[in-house]
């Protein structure tokens, strides 16, 4: 996985831009920022249209509208603790079994762990209002990130 920390004078906090191990399929996490709604929409569109892969990132930076946007690449190989933290970020912990979820996490390949971790923000955006999300262990067992 290729991960970047994004900062700017336009917002406080750090956003993360993550690409898969091939430098493709970007995901953007802005939950740790105070971005205004229009900034967030612009960043999402910017990632989908311009920073579509790691190779396009440098040229995409020239078209950025946020002042003093900075990217810092970090090495990242998600652990179960990382998955558990992001799965329950900004919401209550449900009846998920940490022990069962960790067993399922350890039972999948490193590539699948990375894909499962990266898909969590998108998964929660796709859940219809009023629908309960899957338990963490069910999420890992059903491999929803593959579909």
Protein backbone atom coordinates (compact mmCIF):
# COMPACT_ATOMS: atom_id res chain seq x y z
CA UNK A 1 0.00 0.00 0.00
CA UNK A 2 1.18 3.51 -0.77
CA UNK A 3 -0.09 6.11 1.65
CA UNK A 4 0.24 9.91 1.74
CA UNK A 5 -0.52 12.34 4.52
CA UNK A 6 -2.08 15.53 3.14
CA UNK A 7 -1.97 18.91 4.87
CA UNK A 8 -2.90 22.41 3.70
CA UNK A 9 -3.26 25.94 4.99
CA UNK A 10 -6.95 25.66 3.99
CA UNK A 11 -7.80 23.19 6.78
CA UNK A 12 -6.45 21.81 10.02
CA UNK A 13 -5.65 18.17 10.62
CA UNK A 14 -4.41 15.55 8.21
CA UNK A 15 -6.17 13.76 5.37
CA UNK A 16 -4.83 10.51 3.97
CA UNK A 17 -4.62 9.44 0.34
CA UNK A 18 -4.03 5.73 -0.12
CA UNK A 19 -3.26 3.72 -3.24
CA UNK A 20 -3.16 -0.06 -3.53
CA UNK A 21 0.15 -1.90 -3.91
CA UNK A 22 0.08 -1.21 -7.68
CA UNK A 23 -0.32 2.56 -7.20
CA UNK A 24 -3.96 2.38 -8.34
CA UNK A 25 -7.46 2.68 -6.81
CA UNK A 26 -7.07 5.77 -4.61
CA UNK A 27 -9.07 6.26 -1.44
CA UNK A 28 -9.28 9.54 0.43
CA UNK A 29 -9.96 9.87 4.15
CA UNK A 30 -10.69 13.40 5.36
CA UNK A 31 -12.24 12.46 8.72
CA UNK A 32 -9.28 13.85 10.70
CA UNK A 33 -9.66 17.34 9.22
CA UNK A 34 -11.97 20.29 9.57
CA UNK A 35 -12.45 20.59 5.79
CA UNK A 36 -15.54 22.45 4.75
CA UNK A 37 -18.04 20.49 2.67
CA UNK A 38 -17.06 22.18 -0.60
CA UNK A 39 -13.36 21.50 0.08
CA UNK A 40 -14.12 17.85 0.72
CA UNK A 41 -16.20 17.57 -2.48
CA UNK A 42 -13.42 19.23 -4.45
CA UNK A 43 -10.77 16.88 -2.99
CA UNK A 44 -12.88 13.82 -3.79
CA UNK A 45 -13.39 14.99 -7.39
CA UNK A 46 -9.68 15.87 -7.66
CA UNK A 47 -8.67 12.36 -6.56
CA UNK A 48 -11.18 10.65 -8.89
CA UNK A 49 -10.37 12.78 -11.96
CA UNK A 50 -6.72 13.80 -11.61
CA UNK A 51 -4.88 11.78 -8.96
CA UNK A 52 -6.31 8.55 -10.35
CA UNK A 53 -3.05 6.69 -9.73
CA UNK A 54 0.28 7.33 -8.08
CA UNK A 55 1.93 8.21 -11.41
CA UNK A 56 -0.60 11.00 -12.02
CA UNK A 57 -0.18 12.49 -8.55
CA UNK A 58 2.67 14.89 -9.36
CA UNK A 59 0.89 16.44 -12.35
CA UNK A 60 -2.37 16.54 -10.37
CA UNK A 61 -0.67 18.62 -7.68
CA UNK A 62 -0.20 21.44 -10.23
CA UNK A 63 -3.98 21.69 -10.59
CA UNK A 64 -4.73 21.83 -6.89
CA UNK A 65 -6.96 24.66 -5.67
CA UNK A 66 -6.12 24.37 -1.97
CA UNK A 67 -3.33 26.68 -0.79
CA UNK A 68 0.00 25.16 0.22
CA UNK A 69 -1.15 21.57 -0.21
CA UNK A 70 1.58 19.23 1.02
CA UNK A 71 1.94 15.48 0.54
CA UNK A 72 4.18 13.25 2.62
CA UNK A 73 4.50 9.58 1.69
CA UNK A 74 4.55 7.09 4.53
CA UNK A 75 5.10 3.35 4.62
CA UNK A 76 2.06 1.49 5.80
CA UNK A 77 1.19 -2.16 6.24
CA UNK A 78 -2.11 -2.30 8.15
CA UNK A 79 -2.29 -4.37 11.31
CA UNK A 80 -5.44 -5.75 12.90
CA UNK A 81 -5.31 -2.83 15.37
CA UNK A 82 -5.33 -0.41 12.40
CA UNK A 83 -8.33 -2.20 10.90
CA UNK A 84 -10.19 -2.26 14.23
CA UNK A 85 -9.57 1.46 14.76
CA UNK A 86 -10.73 2.51 11.29
CA UNK A 87 -13.76 0.20 11.34
CA UNK A 88 -15.09 1.86 14.46
CA UNK A 89 -13.90 5.39 13.68
CA UNK A 90 -16.56 8.01 14.41
CA UNK A 91 -19.17 5.47 15.53
CA UNK A 92 -20.00 3.30 18.51
CA UNK A 93 -18.60 -0.19 18.87
CA UNK A 94 -21.35 -2.70 18.13
CA UNK A 95 -21.49 -6.34 19.18
CA UNK A 96 -18.50 -7.27 17.03
CA UNK A 97 -16.19 -9.81 18.57
CA UNK A 98 -12.64 -8.52 18.51
CA UNK A 99 -11.31 -12.04 19.04
CA UNK A 100 -13.29 -13.51 16.11
CA UNK A 101 -12.51 -10.54 13.86
CA UNK A 102 -8.80 -10.83 14.61
CA UNK A 103 -8.89 -14.55 13.78
CA UNK A 104 -10.53 -13.75 10.44
CA UNK A 105 -8.00 -10.94 9.82
CA UNK A 106 -5.12 -13.32 10.42
CA UNK A 107 -6.71 -15.89 8.12
CA UNK A 108 -6.63 -13.69 5.00
CA UNK A 109 -3.64 -12.77 2.85
CA UNK A 110 -1.68 -9.52 3.25
CA UNK A 111 -3.19 -8.29 -0.02
CA UNK A 112 -6.70 -9.02 1.21
CA UNK A 113 -5.92 -7.31 4.53
CA UNK A 114 -4.82 -4.22 2.63
CA UNK A 115 -7.91 -4.29 0.42
CA UNK A 116 -10.22 -4.81 3.42
CA UNK A 117 -8.59 -1.93 5.29
CA UNK A 118 -8.73 0.42 2.29
CA UNK A 119 -12.38 -0.36 1.55
CA UNK A 120 -13.73 0.47 5.03
CA UNK A 121 -14.44 4.20 4.38
CA UNK A 122 -16.15 3.40 1.06
CA UNK A 123 -18.17 0.60 2.69
CA UNK A 124 -19.59 2.94 5.32
CA UNK A 125 -20.48 5.53 2.67
CA UNK A 126 -22.48 2.90 0.76
CA UNK A 127 -24.64 1.76 3.67
CA UNK A 128 -28.20 3.05 3.23
CA UNK A 129 -29.55 5.27 5.99
CA UNK A 130 -31.17 3.26 8.76
CA UNK A 131 -29.25 0.09 7.87
CA UNK A 132 -26.87 -1.41 10.40
CA UNK A 133 -23.33 -2.06 9.16
CA UNK A 134 -21.97 -5.58 9.24
CA UNK A 135 -20.19 -6.77 12.35
CA UNK A 136 -16.43 -6.42 11.88
CA UNK A 137 -15.97 -10.19 11.68
CA UNK A 138 -18.80 -10.47 9.13
CA UNK A 139 -17.24 -7.69 7.06
CA UNK A 140 -13.96 -9.62 6.99
CA UNK A 141 -15.62 -12.95 6.32
CA UNK A 142 -17.88 -11.74 3.51
CA UNK A 143 -15.06 -10.02 1.57
CA UNK A 144 -17.27 -7.11 0.51
CA UNK A 145 -14.22 -5.23 -0.81
CA UNK A 146 -13.94 -7.69 -3.73
CA UNK A 147 -17.32 -6.91 -5.30
